[in-house]
Amino acid sequence: MALKTNKQIQKEDSKERILTVSARLFRTQGFAATGIDQVMSQASLTAGAFYAHFKSKKELFEKSLERALDNSKILLTKDTEGLSGEEKTNAVLKRYCSVSHRDFPEKGCVLPAVASDIYRGTTQSTKIVTEYIEKWINLIAENISEHLPEEIKRQQALQIVSRSVGAILLSRIVRDSSLSDQLLAAAQKI
C-alpha cells in the first residue's frame, strides 16, 4: 500500500472543499447563477486551479450532486437503524419535511433546491438523480406493510417520495404563510 504524498493529500483536500462549496452554492443559487470563480474563491483556491479537478462546470455539478445526495441519505436515515416499518418511515419523513429543511436549503436535499437545473442538466445528472430516487423508493417500500403486494408497496413509496419533495418545494415558495407549515405537517406521516 503506497502512502500518499503531501501533494496528493492537498489535491484531495482541495477537491473536497470545491465539492462542499459548490453543493451549497448550487442549492442556494442554482446552476446558472453559480460561477466557477465564486466557487473557487469560497473554497479559498485560485480560479485557475479548478481545471486540475474538473473538466467543466457541468462535471462539477454532477459530482456535487452525487455528494449532496449521498449526504442526504446519511442525514435522512441517521438514528433510524433500530427502527422499522411505519416508525422508520415516519422518522425519515419528519426529518425530511421539517422547518429546518425548508429554511436551510444549503444543508438539505438537493432535489427540491435544483430540480429545474437537473431537468435542464446533463444525461449524467438525470441518471444520478434517478438512481437516488430509486434507492429512496426502495427504502420506503421495504418499510411498508409486509402483507401488501410489492406493486402496491412501490406505488405507496412513489406517492410518499413525490409528496415529500413537493412539500419542501412548495413550503419554500409560500414560506411566509401558515400554509408553509401546513404543507410540511401534512407530509410528515405515511
Protein backbone atom coordinates (compact mmCIF):
# COMPACT_ATOMS: atom_id res chain seq x y z
CA MET A 1 0.00 0.00 0.00
CA ALA A 2 1.63 3.20 -1.20
CA LEU A 3 1.50 6.24 1.04
CA LYS A 4 0.03 9.40 -0.40
CA THR A 5 2.32 12.32 -0.94
CA ASN A 6 1.59 15.70 0.62
CA LYS A 7 0.73 16.97 -2.86
CA GLN A 8 -1.84 14.17 -3.37
CA ILE A 9 -3.38 14.82 0.04
CA GLN A 10 -3.52 18.55 -0.67
CA LYS A 11 -5.17 17.93 -4.07
CA GLU A 12 -7.81 15.66 -2.49
CA ASP A 13 -8.46 18.26 0.22
CA SER A 14 -8.86 20.97 -2.41
CA LYS A 15 -11.31 18.84 -4.38
CA GLU A 16 -13.34 18.18 -1.22
CA ARG A 17 -13.55 21.90 -0.48
CA ILE A 18 -14.66 22.63 -4.04
CA LEU A 19 -17.39 19.96 -3.85
CA THR A 20 -18.62 21.17 -0.46
CA VAL A 21 -18.80 24.80 -1.54
CA SER A 22 -20.33 24.07 -4.95
CA ALA A 23 -23.01 21.79 -3.47
CA ARG A 24 -24.04 24.60 -1.11
CA LEU A 25 -23.97 27.29 -3.81
CA PHE A 26 -25.87 25.22 -6.38
CA ARG A 27 -28.59 24.57 -3.78
CA THR A 28 -28.93 28.23 -2.80
CA GLN A 29 -28.29 29.99 -6.13
CA GLY A 30 -28.87 27.41 -8.84
CA PHE A 31 -26.56 26.26 -11.60
CA ALA A 32 -26.68 29.34 -13.85
CA ALA A 33 -26.05 31.85 -11.05
CA THR A 34 -23.12 29.93 -9.58
CA GLY A 35 -19.80 30.76 -11.21
CA ILE A 36 -16.54 28.87 -11.08
CA ASP A 37 -14.73 31.97 -9.79
CA GLN A 38 -17.20 32.24 -6.90
CA VAL A 39 -16.87 28.54 -6.03
CA MET A 40 -13.10 28.69 -6.07
CA SER A 41 -12.97 31.91 -4.06
CA GLN A 42 -15.22 30.48 -1.35
CA ALA A 43 -13.11 27.31 -1.34
CA SER A 44 -10.05 29.57 -0.78
CA LEU A 45 -8.47 28.45 -4.04
CA THR A 46 -7.50 30.21 -7.24
CA ALA A 47 -9.86 30.03 -10.19
CA GLY A 48 -7.10 28.52 -12.32
CA ALA A 49 -6.87 25.52 -10.02
CA PHE A 50 -10.40 24.45 -10.95
CA TYR A 51 -9.35 22.56 -14.08
CA ALA A 52 -6.90 20.41 -12.13
CA HIS A 53 -10.00 18.82 -10.57
CA PHE A 54 -12.86 19.11 -13.07
CA LYS A 55 -13.23 19.33 -16.85
CA SER A 56 -16.19 21.70 -16.73
CA LYS A 57 -18.83 23.34 -14.59
CA LYS A 58 -21.26 20.63 -15.71
CA GLU A 59 -18.94 17.93 -14.39
CA LEU A 60 -18.67 19.87 -11.11
CA PHE A 61 -22.47 19.99 -10.94
CA GLU A 62 -22.69 16.22 -11.46
CA LYS A 63 -20.06 15.46 -8.81
CA SER A 64 -21.54 17.89 -6.30
CA LEU A 65 -24.97 16.40 -7.00
CA GLU A 66 -23.62 12.94 -6.17
CA ARG A 67 -22.04 14.29 -2.99
CA ALA A 68 -25.18 16.13 -1.89
CA LEU A 69 -27.38 13.08 -2.50
CA ASP A 70 -25.02 10.82 -0.55
CA ASN A 71 -25.09 13.29 2.34
CA SER A 72 -28.89 13.50 2.17
CA LYS A 73 -29.21 9.74 2.52
CA ILE A 74 -26.94 9.76 5.57
CA LEU A 75 -28.87 12.62 7.18
CA LEU A 76 -32.28 11.13 6.42
CA THR A 77 -31.52 7.73 7.91
CA LYS A 78 -29.43 8.95 10.86
CA ASP A 79 -30.57 7.38 14.15
CA THR A 80 -33.13 5.14 12.42
CA GLU A 81 -31.08 1.93 12.44
CA GLY A 82 -33.15 0.37 15.22
CA LEU A 83 -36.46 1.35 13.66
CA SER A 84 -38.55 -0.47 11.08
CA GLY A 85 -41.87 -0.26 9.33
CA GLU A 86 -44.01 2.85 9.63
CA GLU A 87 -41.95 4.02 12.61
CA LYS A 88 -38.82 4.23 10.46
CA THR A 89 -40.62 5.80 7.50
CA ASN A 90 -42.30 8.40 9.72
CA ALA A 91 -38.95 9.26 11.36
CA VAL A 92 -37.41 9.83 7.92
CA LEU A 93 -40.41 11.87 6.75
CA LYS A 94 -40.43 14.01 9.90
CA ARG A 95 -36.76 14.85 9.35
CA TYR A 96 -37.22 15.49 5.62
CA CYS A 97 -40.45 17.51 5.83
CA SER A 98 -39.17 19.79 8.57
CA VAL A 99 -38.97 23.53 9.07
CA SER A 100 -35.17 23.34 9.28
CA HIS A 101 -35.02 21.56 5.92
CA ARG A 102 -37.31 24.18 4.42
CA ASP A 103 -35.33 27.08 5.88
CA PHE A 104 -31.81 25.83 5.12
CA PRO A 105 -31.76 24.51 1.55
CA GLU A 106 -27.95 24.69 1.51
CA LYS A 107 -27.89 21.86 4.07
CA GLY A 108 -30.83 19.81 2.80
CA CYS A 109 -31.83 17.58 -0.05
CA VAL A 110 -30.66 18.86 -3.39
CA LEU A 111 -33.75 17.66 -5.29
CA PRO A 112 -36.21 20.44 -4.42
CA ALA A 113 -33.43 23.01 -4.48
CA VAL A 114 -32.17 22.37 -8.01
CA ALA A 115 -34.92 20.36 -9.69
CA SER A 116 -35.10 22.67 -12.70
CA ASP A 117 -31.30 22.60 -13.07
CA ILE A 118 -31.36 18.81 -13.04
CA TYR A 119 -34.14 18.81 -15.63
CA ARG A 120 -32.09 21.10 -17.88
CA GLY A 121 -28.83 19.35 -16.99
CA THR A 122 -26.89 16.53 -18.46
CA THR A 123 -27.91 12.95 -19.07
CA GLN A 124 -25.47 12.01 -16.32
CA SER A 125 -27.12 14.30 -13.75
CA THR A 126 -30.50 12.78 -14.61
CA LYS A 127 -29.04 9.29 -14.20
CA ILE A 128 -27.55 10.20 -10.79
CA VAL A 129 -30.89 11.51 -9.55
CA THR A 130 -32.86 8.59 -10.98
CA GLU A 131 -30.64 6.11 -9.13
CA TYR A 132 -31.01 8.08 -5.90
CA ILE A 133 -34.80 8.28 -6.19
CA GLU A 134 -34.98 4.52 -6.85
CA LYS A 135 -32.96 3.88 -3.67
CA TRP A 136 -35.24 6.19 -1.68
CA ILE A 137 -38.35 4.47 -3.07
CA ASN A 138 -36.89 1.06 -2.19
CA LEU A 139 -36.03 2.19 1.34
CA ILE A 140 -39.59 3.32 1.94
CA ALA A 141 -41.17 0.31 0.19
CA GLU A 142 -39.15 -2.00 2.46
CA ASN A 143 -40.86 -0.42 5.45
CA ILE A 144 -44.43 -0.64 4.21
CA SER A 145 -46.62 -3.49 5.49
CA GLU A 146 -45.20 -6.86 4.52
CA HIS A 147 -48.73 -8.09 3.82
CA LEU A 148 -49.12 -5.90 0.75
CA PRO A 149 -48.08 -6.95 -2.75
CA GLU A 150 -44.78 -5.48 -3.98
CA GLU A 151 -46.53 -3.40 -6.64
CA ILE A 152 -48.75 -1.70 -4.02
CA LYS A 153 -45.74 -1.05 -1.76
CA ARG A 154 -43.91 0.57 -4.66
CA GLN A 155 -46.92 2.73 -5.55
CA GLN A 156 -47.21 3.93 -1.95
CA ALA A 157 -43.47 4.63 -1.81
CA LEU A 158 -43.69 6.62 -5.06
CA GLN A 159 -46.50 8.71 -3.57
CA ILE A 160 -44.55 9.34 -0.36
CA VAL A 161 -41.38 10.41 -2.16
CA SER A 162 -43.29 12.67 -4.55
CA ARG A 163 -45.29 14.19 -1.71
CA SER A 164 -42.17 14.82 0.39
CA VAL A 165 -40.15 16.56 -2.30
CA GLY A 166 -43.22 18.52 -3.36
CA ALA A 167 -43.94 19.57 0.23
CA ILE A 168 -40.45 21.01 0.66
CA LEU A 169 -40.55 22.76 -2.70
CA LEU A 170 -43.99 24.29 -2.14
CA SER A 171 -43.32 25.16 1.51
CA ARG A 172 -40.32 27.20 0.37
CA ILE A 173 -42.43 29.05 -2.17
CA VAL A 174 -45.09 30.02 0.40
CA ARG A 175 -42.59 30.28 3.27
CA ASP A 176 -44.06 33.43 4.81
CA SER A 177 -47.54 31.99 5.32
CA SER A 178 -49.12 29.40 7.61
CA LEU A 179 -49.67 27.28 4.50
CA SER A 180 -45.96 26.50 4.51
CA ASP A 181 -46.10 24.79 7.90
CA GLN A 182 -49.33 23.02 6.94
CA LEU A 183 -47.71 21.54 3.83
CA LEU A 184 -44.81 20.21 5.89
CA ALA A 185 -47.04 18.76 8.61
CA ALA A 186 -49.26 17.01 6.06
CA ALA A 187 -46.27 15.24 4.51
CA GLN A 188 -44.63 14.08 7.74
CA LYS A 189 -46.52 10.80 8.11
CA ILE A 190 -47.46 7.90 5.92
